[in-house]
């Protein structure tokens, strides 16, 4: 599995059981198991949930699913 796919899967997994839609960046961070410190790792690449704020934009919200969150984050993170 490529790094992008692995990180994507970890984000989706971390948000499993989360109630959507998520309307704010703060609510998104709160949805991760360890909040901003939740870290996805693959093949030497680390991505913290707190870093997502650097790539998300206000008009990305509301998110309707974990897959949508993962899609946006991995695309904009340049993985």
Protein backbone atom coordinates (compact mmCIF):
# COMPACT_ATOMS: atom_id res chain seq x y z
CA UNK A 1 0.00 0.00 0.00
CA UNK A 2 1.31 3.44 -0.90
CA UNK A 3 1.96 6.05 1.79
CA UNK A 4 -1.00 8.13 0.61
CA UNK A 5 -3.37 5.14 0.82
CA UNK A 6 -2.04 4.08 4.23
CA UNK A 7 -2.40 7.56 5.75
CA UNK A 8 -5.87 7.85 4.18
CA UNK A 9 -6.90 4.53 5.76
CA UNK A 10 -5.53 5.58 9.16
CA UNK A 11 -7.47 8.87 9.08
CA UNK A 12 -10.69 7.05 8.18
CA UNK A 13 -10.01 4.52 10.94
CA UNK A 14 -9.27 7.23 13.51
CA UNK A 15 -12.61 8.87 12.73
CA UNK A 16 -14.61 5.62 12.81
CA UNK A 17 -17.69 6.07 14.95
CA UNK A 18 -17.59 9.86 14.65
CA UNK A 19 -20.94 11.55 14.21
CA UNK A 20 -21.05 13.60 11.02
CA UNK A 21 -21.44 16.29 9.77
CA UNK A 22 -18.48 18.00 11.41
CA UNK A 23 -18.96 21.73 11.12
CA UNK A 24 -15.78 23.30 12.59
CA UNK A 25 -12.03 22.69 12.77
CA UNK A 26 -12.33 22.42 16.55
CA UNK A 27 -14.97 19.71 16.27
CA UNK A 28 -12.79 17.85 13.79
CA UNK A 29 -9.78 17.87 16.11
CA UNK A 30 -11.98 16.76 19.00
CA UNK A 31 -13.17 13.79 16.91
CA UNK A 32 -9.67 12.29 16.68
CA UNK A 33 -8.80 9.81 19.48
CA UNK A 34 -5.90 11.88 20.86
CA UNK A 35 -7.11 15.19 19.46
CA UNK A 36 -4.43 17.27 17.75
CA UNK A 37 -1.76 14.75 18.84
CA UNK A 38 -3.32 11.86 16.90
CA UNK A 39 -0.57 10.76 14.50
CA UNK A 40 -0.82 8.73 11.31
CA UNK A 41 2.41 7.05 10.19
CA UNK A 42 3.46 5.26 7.01
CA UNK A 43 6.88 4.49 5.57
CA UNK A 44 8.71 7.23 7.46
CA UNK A 45 5.98 9.84 6.94
CA UNK A 46 4.16 11.23 9.98
CA UNK A 47 1.06 13.39 9.86
CA UNK A 48 -0.51 14.78 13.03
CA UNK A 49 -4.17 15.73 13.19
CA UNK A 50 -3.10 19.14 14.45
CA UNK A 51 -1.25 19.68 11.16
CA UNK A 52 -4.53 19.31 9.27
CA UNK A 53 -5.38 22.88 10.22
CA UNK A 54 -2.59 24.03 7.92
CA UNK A 55 -4.25 22.48 4.87
CA UNK A 56 -7.96 22.85 5.65
CA UNK A 57 -9.97 25.92 4.67
CA UNK A 58 -13.12 27.32 6.27
CA UNK A 59 -15.17 26.47 3.18
CA UNK A 60 -14.16 22.77 3.49
CA UNK A 61 -16.70 22.51 6.31
CA UNK A 62 -19.01 20.82 7.00
CA UNK A 63 -17.43 17.42 6.38
CA UNK A 64 -20.00 14.70 5.75
CA UNK A 65 -17.80 11.60 6.23
CA UNK A 66 -14.44 10.32 7.44
CA UNK A 67 -13.56 9.49 3.83
CA UNK A 68 -14.18 13.10 2.82
CA UNK A 69 -11.88 14.34 5.61
CA UNK A 70 -9.16 11.89 4.58
CA UNK A 71 -9.53 12.75 0.88
CA UNK A 72 -8.97 16.46 1.51
CA UNK A 73 -6.12 16.05 3.99
CA UNK A 74 -4.02 13.59 1.95
CA UNK A 75 -4.57 15.54 -1.27
CA UNK A 76 -3.52 18.87 0.22
CA UNK A 77 -0.69 17.42 2.31
CA UNK A 78 0.99 16.43 -0.95
CA UNK A 79 1.34 12.74 -0.10
